[in-house]
């Protein structure tokens, strides 16, 4: 069974590495529409980069050219991740701390550890 989280009409099914359902006790703090649009635009741009890399592989382009594009896509995705982490810290964590939720710092540290593995 997957854990289900809904927001803005999307349903996300989540499992952790062990196959267990992920549980989040903190409420979701919605992003502003402009922030959501910015993230979606960046992700679409990255999606285009990935398609371009796939085409380069198909066209048998020079390996270092492909690696340069992979590096650029990785950097762009990392920047999106940093923006999501900033939102999480500035909104989700701050709101939970104001509400006296004790485990909020541990959740933040888990998020940072998970993100820094990428």
PDB file of N, CA and C in Angstrom:
ATOM      1  N   UNK A   1       0.842  -1.184   0.000  1.00  0.00           N
ATOM      2  CA  UNK A   1       0.000   0.000   0.000  1.00  0.00           C
ATOM      3  C   UNK A   1       0.884   1.244   0.000  1.00  0.00           C
ATOM      4  N   UNK A   2       0.548   2.176  -0.827  1.00  0.00           N
ATOM      5  CA  UNK A   2       1.276   3.433  -0.901  1.00  0.00           C
ATOM      6  C   UNK A   2       0.607   4.477  -0.019  1.00  0.00           C
ATOM      7  N   UNK A   3       1.412   5.363   0.529  1.00  0.00           N
ATOM      8  CA  UNK A   3       0.861   6.531   1.218  1.00  0.00           C
ATOM      9  C   UNK A   3       0.457   7.519   0.134  1.00  0.00           C
ATOM     10  N   UNK A   4      -0.677   8.166   0.299  1.00  0.00           N
ATOM     11  CA  UNK A   4      -1.141   9.101  -0.724  1.00  0.00           C
ATOM     12  C   UNK A   4      -1.169  10.513  -0.171  1.00  0.00           C
ATOM     13  N   UNK A   5      -0.643  11.437  -0.932  1.00  0.00           N
ATOM     14  CA  UNK A   5      -0.652  12.842  -0.574  1.00  0.00           C
ATOM     15  C   UNK A   5      -1.242  13.592  -1.752  1.00  0.00           C
ATOM     16  N   UNK A   6      -2.185  14.446  -1.498  1.00  0.00           N
ATOM     17  CA  UNK A   6      -2.789  15.196  -2.591  1.00  0.00           C
ATOM     18  C   UNK A   6      -2.563  16.680  -2.372  1.00  0.00           C
ATOM     19  N   UNK A   7      -2.338  17.357  -3.472  1.00  0.00           N
ATOM     20  CA  UNK A   7      -2.164  18.796  -3.439  1.00  0.00           C
ATOM     21  C   UNK A   7      -2.411  19.313  -4.848  1.00  0.00           C
ATOM     22  N   UNK A   8      -3.247  20.284  -4.956  1.00  0.00           N
ATOM     23  CA  UNK A   8      -3.568  20.908  -6.245  1.00  0.00           C
ATOM     24  C   UNK A   8      -3.987  19.882  -7.299  1.00  0.00           C
ATOM     25  N   UNK A   9      -4.736  18.877  -6.874  1.00  0.00           N
ATOM     26  CA  UNK A   9      -5.258  17.903  -7.819  1.00  0.00           C
ATOM     27  C   UNK A   9      -4.306  16.786  -8.181  1.00  0.00           C
ATOM     28  N   UNK A  10      -3.100  16.781  -7.630  1.00  0.00           N
ATOM     29  CA  UNK A  10      -2.141  15.726  -7.914  1.00  0.00           C
ATOM     30  C   UNK A  10      -2.145  14.728  -6.767  1.00  0.00           C
ATOM     31  N   UNK A  11      -2.028  13.458  -7.089  1.00  0.00           N
ATOM     32  CA  UNK A  11      -1.893  12.432  -6.069  1.00  0.00           C
ATOM     33  C   UNK A  11      -0.497  11.853  -6.187  1.00  0.00           C
ATOM     34  N   UNK A  12       0.214  11.790  -5.084  1.00  0.00           N
ATOM     35  CA  UNK A  12       1.564  11.258  -5.067  1.00  0.00           C
ATOM     36  C   UNK A  12       1.583  10.048  -4.156  1.00  0.00           C
ATOM     37  N   UNK A  13       2.044   8.925  -4.679  1.00  0.00           N
ATOM     38  CA  UNK A  13       2.184   7.722  -3.878  1.00  0.00           C
ATOM     39  C   UNK A  13       3.646   7.591  -3.493  1.00  0.00           C
ATOM     40  N   UNK A  14       3.914   7.458  -2.206  1.00  0.00           N
ATOM     41  CA  UNK A  14       5.291   7.467  -1.727  1.00  0.00           C
ATOM     42  C   UNK A  14       5.614   6.201  -0.953  1.00  0.00           C
ATOM     43  N   UNK A  15       6.788   5.675  -1.191  1.00  0.00           N
ATOM     44  CA  UNK A  15       7.345   4.596  -0.386  1.00  0.00           C
ATOM     45  C   UNK A  15       8.812   4.912  -0.156  1.00  0.00           C
ATOM     46  N   UNK A  16       9.315   4.480   0.991  1.00  0.00           N
ATOM     47  CA  UNK A  16      10.735   4.685   1.238  1.00  0.00           C
ATOM     48  C   UNK A  16      11.516   3.517   0.645  1.00  0.00           C
ATOM     49  N   UNK A  17      12.842   3.497   0.810  1.00  0.00           N
ATOM     50  CA  UNK A  17      13.673   2.464   0.204  1.00  0.00           C
ATOM     51  C   UNK A  17      13.286   1.061   0.646  1.00  0.00           C
ATOM     52  N   UNK A  18      12.839   0.911   1.887  1.00  0.00           N
ATOM     53  CA  UNK A  18      12.461  -0.400   2.404  1.00  0.00           C
ATOM     54  C   UNK A  18      11.096  -0.856   1.931  1.00  0.00           C
ATOM     55  N   UNK A  19      10.423  -0.067   1.116  1.00  0.00           N
ATOM     56  CA  UNK A  19       9.116  -0.429   0.616  1.00  0.00           C
ATOM     57  C   UNK A  19       7.990  -0.074   1.567  1.00  0.00           C
ATOM     58  N   UNK A  20       8.334   0.574   2.678  1.00  0.00           N
ATOM     59  CA  UNK A  20       7.317   0.948   3.655  1.00  0.00           C
ATOM     60  C   UNK A  20       6.708   2.286   3.267  1.00  0.00           C
ATOM     61  N   UNK A  21       5.480   2.482   3.695  1.00  0.00           N
ATOM     62  CA  UNK A  21       4.820   3.758   3.429  1.00  0.00           C
ATOM     63  C   UNK A  21       5.533   4.878   4.163  1.00  0.00           C
ATOM     64  N   UNK A  22       5.673   6.009   3.490  1.00  0.00           N
ATOM     65  CA  UNK A  22       6.256   7.183   4.129  1.00  0.00           C
ATOM     66  C   UNK A  22       5.141   7.934   4.838  1.00  0.00           C
ATOM     67  N   UNK A  23       5.429   8.458   5.994  1.00  0.00           N
ATOM     68  CA  UNK A  23       4.428   9.180   6.765  1.00  0.00           C
ATOM     69  C   UNK A  23       4.963  10.569   7.080  1.00  0.00           C
ATOM     70  N   UNK A  24       4.152  11.561   6.824  1.00  0.00           N
ATOM     71  CA  UNK A  24       4.512  12.933   7.138  1.00  0.00           C
ATOM     72  C   UNK A  24       3.444  13.483   8.057  1.00  0.00           C
ATOM     73  N   UNK A  25       3.849  13.853   9.251  1.00  0.00           N
ATOM     74  CA  UNK A  25       2.896  14.384  10.216  1.00  0.00           C
ATOM     75  C   UNK A  25       2.649  15.874  10.022  1.00  0.00           C
ATOM     76  N   UNK A  26       3.586  16.564   9.396  1.00  0.00           N
ATOM     77  CA  UNK A  26       3.439  18.001   9.216  1.00  0.00           C
ATOM     78  C   UNK A  26       2.519  18.275   8.027  1.00  0.00           C
ATOM     79  N   UNK A  27       1.698  19.303   8.133  1.00  0.00           N
ATOM     80  CA  UNK A  27       0.838  19.646   7.004  1.00  0.00           C
ATOM     81  C   UNK A  27       1.659  20.241   5.862  1.00  0.00           C
ATOM     82  N   UNK A  28       1.148  20.109   4.668  1.00  0.00           N
ATOM     83  CA  UNK A  28       1.802  20.689   3.501  1.00  0.00           C
ATOM     84  C   UNK A  28       1.543  22.190   3.492  1.00  0.00           C
ATOM     85  N   UNK A  29       2.608  22.970   3.331  1.00  0.00           N
ATOM     86  CA  UNK A  29       2.465  24.422   3.212  1.00  0.00           C
ATOM     87  C   UNK A  29       2.515  24.738   1.724  1.00  0.00           C
ATOM     88  N   UNK A  30       1.395  25.171   1.154  1.00  0.00           N
ATOM     89  CA  UNK A  30       1.345  25.400  -0.295  1.00  0.00           C
ATOM     90  C   UNK A  30       2.330  26.472  -0.741  1.00  0.00           C
ATOM     91  N   UNK A  31       2.869  26.264  -1.937  1.00  0.00           N
ATOM     92  CA  UNK A  31       3.720  27.280  -2.544  1.00  0.00           C
ATOM     93  C   UNK A  31       2.830  28.335  -3.188  1.00  0.00           C
ATOM     94  N   UNK A  32       3.371  29.524  -3.324  1.00  0.00           N
ATOM     95  CA  UNK A  32       2.660  30.557  -4.073  1.00  0.00           C
ATOM     96  C   UNK A  32       2.617  30.125  -5.538  1.00  0.00           C
ATOM     97  N   UNK A  33       1.581  30.550  -6.235  1.00  0.00           N
ATOM     98  CA  UNK A  33       1.432  30.167  -7.642  1.00  0.00           C
ATOM     99  C   UNK A  33       2.652  30.546  -8.471  1.00  0.00           C
ATOM    100  N   UNK A  34       3.221  31.726  -8.214  1.00  0.00           N
ATOM    101  CA  UNK A  34       4.389  32.162  -8.993  1.00  0.00           C
ATOM    102  C   UNK A  34       5.593  31.265  -8.722  1.00  0.00           C
ATOM    103  N   UNK A  35       5.740  30.797  -7.480  1.00  0.00           N
ATOM    104  CA  UNK A  35       6.844  29.892  -7.150  1.00  0.00           C
ATOM    105  C   UNK A  35       6.649  28.545  -7.839  1.00  0.00           C
ATOM    106  N   UNK A  36       5.415  28.058  -7.840  1.00  0.00           N
ATOM    107  CA  UNK A  36       5.110  26.794  -8.512  1.00  0.00           C
ATOM    108  C   UNK A  36       5.402  26.899 -10.003  1.00  0.00           C
ATOM    109  N   UNK A  37       4.988  27.998 -10.620  1.00  0.00           N
ATOM    110  CA  UNK A  37       5.228  28.193 -12.052  1.00  0.00           C
ATOM    111  C   UNK A  37       6.720  28.254 -12.352  1.00  0.00           C
ATOM    112  N   UNK A  38       7.477  28.936 -11.501  1.00  0.00           N
ATOM    113  CA  UNK A  38       8.920  29.031 -11.690  1.00  0.00           C
ATOM    114  C   UNK A  38       9.564  27.645 -11.630  1.00  0.00           C
ATOM    115  N   UNK A  39       9.183  26.852 -10.618  1.00  0.00           N
ATOM    116  CA  UNK A  39       9.732  25.499 -10.495  1.00  0.00           C
ATOM    117  C   UNK A  39       9.339  24.637 -11.689  1.00  0.00           C
ATOM    118  N   UNK A  40       8.086  24.719 -12.104  1.00  0.00           N
ATOM    119  CA  UNK A  40       7.636  23.928 -13.251  1.00  0.00           C
ATOM    120  C   UNK A  40       8.375  24.327 -14.525  1.00  0.00           C
ATOM    121  N   UNK A  41       8.593  25.616 -14.721  1.00  0.00           N
ATOM    122  CA  UNK A  41       9.338  26.070 -15.903  1.00  0.00           C
ATOM    123  C   UNK A  41      10.762  25.542 -15.891  1.00  0.00           C
ATOM    124  N   UNK A  42      11.393  25.599 -14.735  1.00  0.00           N
ATOM    125  CA  UNK A  42      12.767  25.091 -14.639  1.00  0.00           C
ATOM    126  C   UNK A  42      12.815  23.594 -14.904  1.00  0.00           C
ATOM    127  N   UNK A  43      11.841  22.862 -14.348  1.00  0.00           N
ATOM    128  CA  UNK A  43      11.805  21.414 -14.563  1.00  0.00           C
ATOM    129  C   UNK A  43      11.537  21.076 -16.030  1.00  0.00           C
ATOM    130  N   UNK A  44      10.716  21.852 -16.693  1.00  0.00           N
ATOM    131  CA  UNK A  44      10.477  21.632 -18.130  1.00  0.00           C
ATOM    132  C   UNK A  44      11.747  21.897 -18.937  1.00  0.00           C
ATOM    133  N   UNK A  45      12.489  22.917 -18.531  1.00  0.00           N
ATOM    134  CA  UNK A  45      13.755  23.212 -19.204  1.00  0.00           C
ATOM    135  C   UNK A  45      14.732  22.047 -19.028  1.00  0.00           C
ATOM    136  N   UNK A  46      14.788  21.504 -17.808  1.00  0.00           N
ATOM    137  CA  UNK A  46      15.660  20.358 -17.534  1.00  0.00           C
ATOM    138  C   UNK A  46      15.201  19.150 -18.343  1.00  0.00           C
ATOM    139  N   UNK A  47      13.895  18.962 -18.433  1.00  0.00           N
ATOM    140  CA  UNK A  47      13.351  17.867 -19.238  1.00  0.00           C
ATOM    141  C   UNK A  47      13.819  17.999 -20.688  1.00  0.00           C
ATOM    142  N   UNK A  48      13.824  19.218 -21.200  1.00  0.00           N
ATOM    143  CA  UNK A  48      14.324  19.463 -22.548  1.00  0.00           C
ATOM    144  C   UNK A  48      15.807  19.147 -22.669  1.00  0.00           C
ATOM    145  N   UNK A  49      16.573  19.500 -21.633  1.00  0.00           N
ATOM    146  CA  UNK A  49      18.001  19.171 -21.634  1.00  0.00           C
ATOM    147  C   UNK A  49      18.198  17.657 -21.699  1.00  0.00           C
ATOM    148  N   UNK A  50      17.413  16.915 -20.928  1.00  0.00           N
ATOM    149  CA  UNK A  50      17.542  15.457 -20.903  1.00  0.00           C
ATOM    150  C   UNK A  50      17.196  14.876 -22.276  1.00  0.00           C
ATOM    151  N   UNK A  51      16.151  15.391 -22.899  1.00  0.00           N
ATOM    152  CA  UNK A  51      15.802  14.933 -24.251  1.00  0.00           C
ATOM    153  C   UNK A  51      16.941  15.228 -25.230  1.00  0.00           C
ATOM    154  N   UNK A  52      17.554  16.401 -25.065  1.00  0.00           N
ATOM    155  CA  UNK A  52      18.689  16.747 -25.913  1.00  0.00           C
ATOM    156  C   UNK A  52      19.857  15.800 -25.716  1.00  0.00           C
ATOM    157  N   UNK A  53      20.104  15.411 -24.473  1.00  0.00           N
ATOM    158  CA  UNK A  53      21.182  14.455 -24.182  1.00  0.00           C
ATOM    159  C   UNK A  53      20.867  13.109 -24.825  1.00  0.00           C
ATOM    160  N   UNK A  54      19.620  12.672 -24.713  1.00  0.00           N
ATOM    161  CA  UNK A  54      19.222  11.402 -25.331  1.00  0.00           C
ATOM    162  C   UNK A  54      19.440  11.449 -26.844  1.00  0.00           C
ATOM    163  N   UNK A  55      19.136  12.593 -27.448  1.00  0.00           N
ATOM    164  CA  UNK A  55      19.343  12.743 -28.891  1.00  0.00           C
ATOM    165  C   UNK A  55      20.833  12.717 -29.225  1.00  0.00           C
ATOM    166  N   UNK A  56      21.650  13.331 -28.371  1.00  0.00           N
ATOM    167  CA  UNK A  56      23.097  13.310 -28.585  1.00  0.00           C
ATOM    168  C   UNK A  56      23.627  11.883 -28.557  1.00  0.00           C
ATOM    169  N   UNK A  57      23.127  11.079 -27.622  1.00  0.00           N
ATOM    170  CA  UNK A  57      23.550   9.674 -27.540  1.00  0.00           C
ATOM    171  C   UNK A  57      23.114   8.941 -28.808  1.00  0.00           C
ATOM    172  N   UNK A  58      21.866   9.169 -29.215  1.00  0.00           N
ATOM    173  CA  UNK A  58      21.348   8.513 -30.419  1.00  0.00           C
ATOM    174  C   UNK A  58      22.152   8.910 -31.659  1.00  0.00           C
ATOM    175  N   UNK A  59      22.580  10.175 -31.700  1.00  0.00           N
ATOM    176  CA  UNK A  59      23.356  10.674 -32.838  1.00  0.00           C
ATOM    177  C   UNK A  59      24.835  10.311 -32.741  1.00  0.00           C
ATOM    178  N   UNK A  60      25.200   9.581 -31.688  1.00  0.00           N
ATOM    179  CA  UNK A  60      26.583   9.138 -31.463  1.00  0.00           C
ATOM    180  C   UNK A  60      27.547  10.322 -31.408  1.00  0.00           C
ATOM    181  N   UNK A  61      27.148  11.350 -30.646  1.00  0.00           N
ATOM    182  CA  UNK A  61      27.975  12.543 -30.491  1.00  0.00           C
ATOM    183  C   UNK A  61      29.190  12.233 -29.616  1.00  0.00           C
ATOM    184  N   UNK A  62      30.144  13.114 -29.633  1.00  0.00           N
ATOM    185  CA  UNK A  62      31.396  12.955 -28.895  1.00  0.00           C
ATOM    186  C   UNK A  62      31.114  12.864 -27.392  1.00  0.00           C
ATOM    187  N   UNK A  63      31.752  11.916 -26.733  1.00  0.00           N
ATOM    188  CA  UNK A  63      31.476  11.601 -25.325  1.00  0.00           C
ATOM    189  C   UNK A  63      31.605  12.808 -24.399  1.00  0.00           C
ATOM    190  N   UNK A  64      32.653  13.598 -24.561  1.00  0.00           N
ATOM    191  CA  UNK A  64      32.825  14.727 -23.641  1.00  0.00           C
ATOM    192  C   UNK A  64      31.738  15.782 -23.831  1.00  0.00           C
ATOM    193  N   UNK A  65      31.232  15.925 -25.051  1.00  0.00           N
ATOM    194  CA  UNK A  65      30.111  16.845 -25.270  1.00  0.00           C
ATOM    195  C   UNK A  65      28.879  16.374 -24.503  1.00  0.00           C
ATOM    196  N   UNK A  66      28.633  15.072 -24.523  1.00  0.00           N
ATOM    197  CA  UNK A  66      27.504  14.499 -23.784  1.00  0.00           C
ATOM    198  C   UNK A  66      27.704  14.700 -22.287  1.00  0.00           C
ATOM    199  N   UNK A  67      28.912  14.456 -21.812  1.00  0.00           N
ATOM    200  CA  UNK A  67      29.198  14.614 -20.381  1.00  0.00           C
ATOM    201  C   UNK A  67      29.010  16.055 -19.919  1.00  0.00           C
ATOM    202  N   UNK A  68      29.377  17.005 -20.751  1.00  0.00           N
ATOM    203  CA  UNK A  68      29.180  18.419 -20.413  1.00  0.00           C
ATOM    204  C   UNK A  68      27.694  18.709 -20.236  1.00  0.00           C
ATOM    205  N   UNK A  69      26.874  18.188 -21.136  1.00  0.00           N
ATOM    206  CA  UNK A  69      25.429  18.410 -21.042  1.00  0.00           C
ATOM    207  C   UNK A  69      24.823  17.697 -19.833  1.00  0.00           C
ATOM    208  N   UNK A  70      25.321  16.508 -19.514  1.00  0.00           N
ATOM    209  CA  UNK A  70      24.857  15.793 -18.313  1.00  0.00           C
ATOM    210  C   UNK A  70      25.194  16.601 -17.068  1.00  0.00           C
ATOM    211  N   UNK A  71      26.398  17.156 -17.033  1.00  0.00           N
ATOM    212  CA  UNK A  71      26.809  17.975 -15.896  1.00  0.00           C
ATOM    213  C   UNK A  71      25.910  19.201 -15.746  1.00  0.00           C
ATOM    214  N   UNK A  72      25.582  19.836 -16.856  1.00  0.00           N
ATOM    215  CA  UNK A  72      24.712  21.017 -16.817  1.00  0.00           C
ATOM    216  C   UNK A  72      23.315  20.650 -16.318  1.00  0.00           C
ATOM    217  N   UNK A  73      22.785  19.518 -16.763  1.00  0.00           N
ATOM    218  CA  UNK A  73      21.456  19.081 -16.320  1.00  0.00           C
ATOM    219  C   UNK A  73      21.471  18.735 -14.833  1.00  0.00           C
ATOM    220  N   UNK A  74      22.537  18.079 -14.387  1.00  0.00           N
ATOM    221  CA  UNK A  74      22.657  17.765 -12.954  1.00  0.00           C
ATOM    222  C   UNK A  74      22.686  19.031 -12.112  1.00  0.00           C
ATOM    223  N   UNK A  75      23.443  20.026 -12.557  1.00  0.00           N
ATOM    224  CA  UNK A  75      23.534  21.283 -11.819  1.00  0.00           C
ATOM    225  C   UNK A  75      22.179  21.979 -11.768  1.00  0.00           C
ATOM    226  N   UNK A  76      21.471  21.985 -12.881  1.00  0.00           N
ATOM    227  CA  UNK A  76      20.152  22.621 -12.930  1.00  0.00           C
ATOM    228  C   UNK A  76      19.176  21.914 -11.992  1.00  0.00           C
ATOM    229  N   UNK A  77      19.200  20.593 -11.974  1.00  0.00           N
ATOM    230  CA  UNK A  77      18.307  19.839 -11.098  1.00  0.00           C
ATOM    231  C   UNK A  77      18.672  20.051  -9.633  1.00  0.00           C
ATOM    232  N   UNK A  78      19.954  20.130  -9.349  1.00  0.00           N
ATOM    233  CA  UNK A  78      20.401  20.407  -7.980  1.00  0.00           C
ATOM    234  C   UNK A  78      19.887  21.778  -7.521  1.00  0.00           C
ATOM    235  N   UNK A  79      19.911  22.764  -8.411  1.00  0.00           N
ATOM    236  CA  UNK A  79      19.406  24.096  -8.065  1.00  0.00           C
ATOM    237  C   UNK A  79      17.910  24.080  -7.772  1.00  0.00           C
ATOM    238  N   UNK A  80      17.147  23.285  -8.520  1.00  0.00           N
ATOM    239  CA  UNK A  80      15.719  23.142  -8.232  1.00  0.00           C
ATOM    240  C   UNK A  80      15.547  22.512  -6.854  1.00  0.00           C
ATOM    241  N   UNK A  81      16.343  21.499  -6.564  1.00  0.00           N
ATOM    242  CA  UNK A  81      16.289  20.859  -5.250  1.00  0.00           C
ATOM    243  C   UNK A  81      16.593  21.834  -4.127  1.00  0.00           C
ATOM    244  N   UNK A  82      17.557  22.706  -4.338  1.00  0.00           N
ATOM    245  CA  UNK A  82      17.878  23.716  -3.328  1.00  0.00           C
ATOM    246  C   UNK A  82      16.705  24.662  -3.100  1.00  0.00           C
ATOM    247  N   UNK A  83      16.018  25.024  -4.165  1.00  0.00           N
ATOM    248  CA  UNK A  83      14.847  25.895  -4.013  1.00  0.00           C
ATOM    249  C   UNK A  83      13.744  25.194  -3.220  1.00  0.00           C
ATOM    250  N   UNK A  84      13.530  23.913  -3.493  1.00  0.00           N
ATOM    251  CA  UNK A  84      12.519  23.156  -2.749  1.00  0.00           C
ATOM    252  C   UNK A  84      12.922  23.052  -1.282  1.00  0.00           C
ATOM    253  N   UNK A  85      14.201  22.805  -1.021  1.00  0.00           N
ATOM    254  CA  UNK A  85      14.693  22.720   0.352  1.00  0.00           C
ATOM    255  C   UNK A  85      14.561  24.063   1.067  1.00  0.00           C
ATOM    256  N   UNK A  86      14.829  25.156   0.360  1.00  0.00           N
ATOM    257  CA  UNK A  86      14.655  26.488   0.950  1.00  0.00           C
ATOM    258  C   UNK A  86      13.199  26.730   1.329  1.00  0.00           C
ATOM    259  N   UNK A  87      12.275  26.356   0.439  1.00  0.00           N
ATOM    260  CA  UNK A  87      10.846  26.507   0.746  1.00  0.00           C
ATOM    261  C   UNK A  87      10.481  25.663   1.960  1.00  0.00           C
ATOM    262  N   UNK A  88      10.964  24.437   1.976  1.00  0.00           N
ATOM    263  CA  UNK A  88      10.665  23.541   3.091  1.00  0.00           C
ATOM    264  C   UNK A  88      11.143  24.148   4.409  1.00  0.00           C
ATOM    265  N   UNK A  89      12.354  24.680   4.399  1.00  0.00           N
ATOM    266  CA  UNK A  89      12.916  25.263   5.616  1.00  0.00           C
ATOM    267  C   UNK A  89      12.170  26.531   6.020  1.00  0.00           C
ATOM    268  N   UNK A  90      11.960  27.430   5.071  1.00  0.00           N
ATOM    269  CA  UNK A  90      11.362  28.732   5.381  1.00  0.00           C
ATOM    270  C   UNK A  90       9.886  28.645   5.736  1.00  0.00           C
ATOM    271  N   UNK A  91       9.204  27.645   5.247  1.00  0.00           N
ATOM    272  CA  UNK A  91       7.757  27.580   5.468  1.00  0.00           C
ATOM    273  C   UNK A  91       7.352  26.376   6.312  1.00  0.00           C
ATOM    274  N   UNK A  92       7.596  25.178   5.815  1.00  0.00           N
ATOM    275  CA  UNK A  92       7.146  23.965   6.504  1.00  0.00           C
ATOM    276  C   UNK A  92       7.804  23.832   7.878  1.00  0.00           C
ATOM    277  N   UNK A  93       9.121  23.982   7.921  1.00  0.00           N
ATOM    278  CA  UNK A  93       9.854  23.809   9.181  1.00  0.00           C
ATOM    279  C   UNK A  93       9.525  24.936  10.152  1.00  0.00           C
ATOM    280  N   UNK A  94       9.519  26.165   9.669  1.00  0.00           N
ATOM    281  CA  UNK A  94       9.230  27.306  10.541  1.00  0.00           C
ATOM    282  C   UNK A  94       7.824  27.191  11.121  1.00  0.00           C
ATOM    283  N   UNK A  95       6.837  26.849  10.286  1.00  0.00           N
ATOM    284  CA  UNK A  95       5.463  26.706  10.781  1.00  0.00           C
ATOM    285  C   UNK A  95       5.360  25.597  11.820  1.00  0.00           C
ATOM    286  N   UNK A  96       6.011  24.473  11.558  1.00  0.00           N
ATOM    287  CA  UNK A  96       5.967  23.361  12.509  1.00  0.00           C
ATOM    288  C   UNK A  96       6.646  23.738  13.823  1.00  0.00           C
ATOM    289  N   UNK A  97       7.766  24.472  13.745  1.00  0.00           N
ATOM    290  CA  UNK A  97       8.463  24.903  14.961  1.00  0.00           C
ATOM    291  C   UNK A  97       7.601  25.870  15.767  1.00  0.00           C
ATOM    292  N   UNK A  98       6.909  26.782  15.077  1.00  0.00           N
ATOM    293  CA  UNK A  98       6.021  27.720  15.771  1.00  0.00           C
ATOM    294  C   UNK A  98       4.877  26.999  16.475  1.00  0.00           C
ATOM    295  N   UNK A  99       4.468  25.861  15.911  1.00  0.00           N
ATOM    296  CA  UNK A  99       3.390  25.074  16.508  1.00  0.00           C
ATOM    297  C   UNK A  99       3.894  24.107  17.576  1.00  0.00           C
ATOM    298  N   UNK A 100       5.189  24.206  17.894  1.00  0.00           N
ATOM    299  CA  UNK A 100       5.756  23.411  18.971  1.00  0.00           C
ATOM    300  C   UNK A 100       6.020  21.955  18.638  1.00  0.00           C
ATOM    301  N   UNK A 101       6.127  21.631  17.362  1.00  0.00           N
ATOM    302  CA  UNK A 101       6.402  20.248  16.976  1.00  0.00           C
ATOM    303  C   UNK A 101       7.880  19.958  17.199  1.00  0.00           C
ATOM    304  N   UNK A 102       8.146  19.032  18.110  1.00  0.00           N
ATOM    305  CA  UNK A 102       9.513  18.759  18.549  1.00  0.00           C
ATOM    306  C   UNK A 102      10.381  18.072  17.496  1.00  0.00           C
ATOM    307  N   UNK A 103       9.793  17.235  16.675  1.00  0.00           N
ATOM    308  CA  UNK A 103      10.591  16.446  15.742  1.00  0.00           C
ATOM    309  C   UNK A 103      10.885  17.165  14.429  1.00  0.00           C
ATOM    310  N   UNK A 104      10.550  18.441  14.344  1.00  0.00           N
ATOM    311  CA  UNK A 104      10.718  19.182  13.100  1.00  0.00           C
ATOM    312  C   UNK A 104      12.190  19.304  12.703  1.00  0.00           C
ATOM    313  N   UNK A 105      13.078  19.476  13.653  1.00  0.00           N
ATOM    314  CA  UNK A 105      14.501  19.612  13.314  1.00  0.00           C
ATOM    315  C   UNK A 105      15.062  18.293  12.797  1.00  0.00           C
ATOM    316  N   UNK A 106      14.621  17.192  13.376  1.00  0.00           N
ATOM    317  CA  UNK A 106      15.069  15.884  12.884  1.00  0.00           C
ATOM    318  C   UNK A 106      14.581  15.660  11.450  1.00  0.00           C
ATOM    319  N   UNK A 107      13.345  16.071  11.171  1.00  0.00           N
ATOM    320  CA  UNK A 107      12.820  15.959   9.810  1.00  0.00           C
ATOM    321  C   UNK A 107      13.627  16.817   8.838  1.00  0.00           C
ATOM    322  N   UNK A 108      14.010  18.019   9.269  1.00  0.00           N
ATOM    323  CA  UNK A 108      14.822  18.886   8.419  1.00  0.00           C
ATOM    324  C   UNK A 108      16.183  18.249   8.153  1.00  0.00           C
ATOM    325  N   UNK A 109      16.799  17.714   9.189  1.00  0.00           N
ATOM    326  CA  UNK A 109      18.102  17.065   9.011  1.00  0.00           C
ATOM    327  C   UNK A 109      17.998  15.868   8.073  1.00  0.00           C
ATOM    328  N   UNK A 110      16.921  15.106   8.179  1.00  0.00           N
ATOM    329  CA  UNK A 110      16.712  13.976   7.263  1.00  0.00           C
ATOM    330  C   UNK A 110      16.610  14.473   5.823  1.00  0.00           C
ATOM    331  N   UNK A 111      15.871  15.562   5.625  1.00  0.00           N
ATOM    332  CA  UNK A 111      15.717  16.120   4.278  1.00  0.00           C
ATOM    333  C   UNK A 111      17.064  16.589   3.729  1.00  0.00           C
ATOM    334  N   UNK A 112      17.849  17.246   4.564  1.00  0.00           N
ATOM    335  CA  UNK A 112      19.170  17.722   4.128  1.00  0.00           C
ATOM    336  C   UNK A 112      20.077  16.545   3.801  1.00  0.00           C
ATOM    337  N   UNK A 113      20.081  15.526   4.667  1.00  0.00           N
ATOM    338  CA  UNK A 113      20.909  14.336   4.406  1.00  0.00           C
ATOM    339  C   UNK A 113      20.505  13.674   3.094  1.00  0.00           C
ATOM    340  N   UNK A 114      19.204  13.510   2.893  1.00  0.00           N
ATOM    341  CA  UNK A 114      18.717  12.866   1.674  1.00  0.00           C
ATOM    342  C   UNK A 114      19.094  13.678   0.444  1.00  0.00           C
ATOM    343  N   UNK A 115      18.918  14.991   0.514  1.00  0.00           N
ATOM    344  CA  UNK A 115      19.229  15.841  -0.629  1.00  0.00           C
ATOM    345  C   UNK A 115      20.722  15.867  -0.918  1.00  0.00           C
ATOM    346  N   UNK A 116      21.548  15.842   0.107  1.00  0.00           N
ATOM    347  CA  UNK A 116      22.993  15.930  -0.119  1.00  0.00           C
ATOM    348  C   UNK A 116      23.580  14.631  -0.667  1.00  0.00           C
ATOM    349  N   UNK A 117      22.793  13.566  -0.715  1.00  0.00           N
ATOM    350  CA  UNK A 117      23.256  12.318  -1.336  1.00  0.00           C
ATOM    351  C   UNK A 117      23.281  12.431  -2.852  1.00  0.00           C
ATOM    352  N   UNK A 118      22.562  13.415  -3.389  1.00  0.00           N
ATOM    353  CA  UNK A 118      22.474  13.532  -4.850  1.00  0.00           C
ATOM    354  C   UNK A 118      23.717  14.143  -5.435  1.00  0.00           C
TER     355      UNK A 118
END
